[in-house]
Amino acid sequence: MLTGEAKHQLDDKGRVVIPRRFREAFAPDGFLTRGLPGCLWLFPRAEWSRIWEVLSSLRLTDMDGHLAAQFLASGTEVVVDHRGRVLIPDSLRAWAGITGDVILLGRVSLVEIWAADRWIAYQEEQFSPERLAEKLKQFSF
């Protein structure tokens, strides 16, 4: 299970270190693509295979199929190197606004990769104490 948060620095070649606790899920590789809302999604191979089965069954002439094709087209397979790093392609770094500090968030079945400043802004917008209290009312803990 992928959970937790880590902050790392993008290196000069566009690589980011995958936290040690996440690496086993990405041995030997994974799939990196655009995520919502403005981050990147890094899927372990097994999870990506499951998603691929669903997406590849959609008809390209349907809007869902067209959206799936865009999702697939923006992604790429990535390999975790011997130091635990993955290369984030230029196009995905630009799309996600990643230039320096990076936040990696475990989301059970995937890892979100955020530009640190974008993550902070998103948290302030979405997770104010008042908004969080309102959302938690929907659940019966």
Foldseek 3Di string as FASTA:
>chain_A
DFFDKDKFWQDPQQKTADDPVCVVLAVFKWKWWADPPQWIKTFRPVVVVVVCVVLVVDDCVDPSVVVSVVRVVRMDMWGQDPRRMTHDDPVSCVSSVADTMWMWGTDPGIIIIHRVVVVVVCCVVQPDPVNVVVVCVVDDD
